[in-house]
Amino acid sequence: MYHSEATINAHLPEPPDGTRLVIETDTDGDAPEYKVIWRDDAEAKRRGAHPDDRWFDDDDSDPMRLYAHVRYTTAVYPLGQPLVRFADSDEVAS
């Protein structure tokens, strides 16, 4: 399913730098696929990207606009705070 840029802009205001989102994509009757995307303005600038291209989906990807990531999705979810953060030792970090 394709969503127009106008529809996305009207219903998904661009979240701030540092935001992580989970996007769900329908796979034609199979189980849906999920992918984490995140906004990193500093990394995008370091790579010389266009100012609107600041969303990543893996460590080796080029940054893209939010629209490019969500135009074929069925749902977008916020990714919240960590449940636990582990330290280098066998301890839980504060």
Protein backbone atom coordinates (compact mmCIF):
# COMPACT_ATOMS: atom_id res chain seq x y z
CA MET A 1 0.00 0.00 0.00
CA TYR A 2 1.45 3.37 -1.05
CA HIS A 3 0.80 6.52 0.97
CA SER A 4 1.19 9.97 -0.55
CA GLU A 5 3.60 12.46 0.95
CA ALA A 6 0.65 14.77 1.75
CA THR A 7 -1.09 12.02 3.76
CA ILE A 8 2.09 11.17 5.66
CA ASN A 9 2.85 14.83 6.43
CA ALA A 10 -0.71 15.38 7.67
CA HIS A 11 -0.69 12.39 10.04
CA LEU A 12 2.96 11.87 10.99
CA PRO A 13 4.68 15.11 11.99
CA GLU A 14 8.44 14.68 11.79
CA PRO A 15 9.70 13.61 15.22
CA PRO A 16 12.77 15.29 16.74
CA ASP A 17 16.41 14.24 16.40
CA GLY A 18 17.18 11.05 18.31
CA THR A 19 13.70 9.54 17.84
CA ARG A 20 13.43 5.83 17.11
CA LEU A 21 10.38 4.38 15.36
CA VAL A 22 9.23 0.88 14.49
CA ILE A 23 7.65 0.58 11.07
CA GLU A 24 5.38 -2.32 10.12
CA THR A 25 5.06 -3.45 6.52
CA ASP A 26 2.49 -5.90 5.17
CA THR A 27 4.03 -8.78 3.26
CA ASP A 28 1.10 -9.94 1.08
CA GLY A 29 -0.52 -12.33 3.55
CA ASP A 30 2.63 -13.44 5.35
CA ALA A 31 3.51 -12.21 8.80
CA PRO A 32 4.21 -8.46 8.82
CA GLU A 33 7.79 -7.24 8.81
CA TYR A 34 9.08 -4.78 11.38
CA LYS A 35 12.08 -2.46 11.08
CA VAL A 36 13.54 0.14 13.41
CA ILE A 37 14.41 3.52 11.95
CA TRP A 38 16.01 6.43 13.75
CA ARG A 39 16.72 10.10 13.19
CA ASP A 40 20.34 11.20 13.57
CA ASP A 41 20.94 14.74 12.35
CA ALA A 42 24.65 14.81 13.28
CA GLU A 43 25.45 11.58 11.43
CA ALA A 44 23.50 12.70 8.37
CA LYS A 45 25.40 16.00 8.34
CA ARG A 46 28.73 14.17 8.76
CA ARG A 47 27.88 12.12 5.67
CA GLY A 48 27.05 15.26 3.69
CA ALA A 49 23.41 14.32 3.22
CA HIS A 50 20.63 16.67 2.15
CA PRO A 51 19.19 18.32 5.31
CA ASP A 52 15.92 16.35 4.95
CA ASP A 53 17.78 13.02 4.61
CA ARG A 54 18.37 12.21 8.29
CA TRP A 55 16.59 8.89 8.93
CA PHE A 56 18.54 5.61 9.05
CA ASP A 57 17.50 1.97 9.10
CA ASP A 58 20.80 0.16 9.69
CA ASP A 59 24.41 1.07 10.38
CA ASP A 60 25.43 0.88 6.71
CA SER A 61 22.43 2.61 5.16
CA ASP A 62 22.45 6.03 3.60
CA PRO A 63 20.16 8.52 5.33
CA MET A 64 16.75 9.11 3.76
CA ARG A 65 13.74 11.34 4.35
CA LEU A 66 11.13 10.02 6.78
CA TYR A 67 8.68 9.81 3.87
CA ALA A 68 10.96 7.37 2.02
CA HIS A 69 10.89 4.98 4.98
CA VAL A 70 7.15 5.07 5.69
CA ARG A 71 5.45 5.44 2.30
CA TYR A 72 4.71 1.69 2.05
CA THR A 73 4.10 0.92 5.72
CA THR A 74 0.90 -0.21 7.38
CA ALA A 75 1.74 1.25 10.81
CA VAL A 76 4.34 3.36 12.62
CA TYR A 77 5.00 2.87 16.34
CA PRO A 78 7.10 4.90 18.77
CA LEU A 79 10.03 3.04 20.27
CA GLY A 80 10.17 3.96 23.94
CA GLN A 81 12.74 4.03 26.65
CA PRO A 82 14.96 0.97 27.25
CA LEU A 83 13.56 -1.62 29.65
CA VAL A 84 17.05 -2.29 31.00
CA ARG A 85 20.55 -1.19 30.03
CA PHE A 86 23.38 -3.62 30.78
CA ALA A 87 26.90 -2.55 31.73
CA ASP A 88 30.09 -4.11 30.34
CA SER A 89 30.28 -6.29 33.44
CA ASP A 90 27.50 -8.62 34.52
CA GLU A 91 25.72 -5.70 36.14
CA VAL A 92 22.85 -3.45 35.20
CA ALA A 93 23.89 0.09 34.34
CA SER A 94 22.11 2.92 36.09
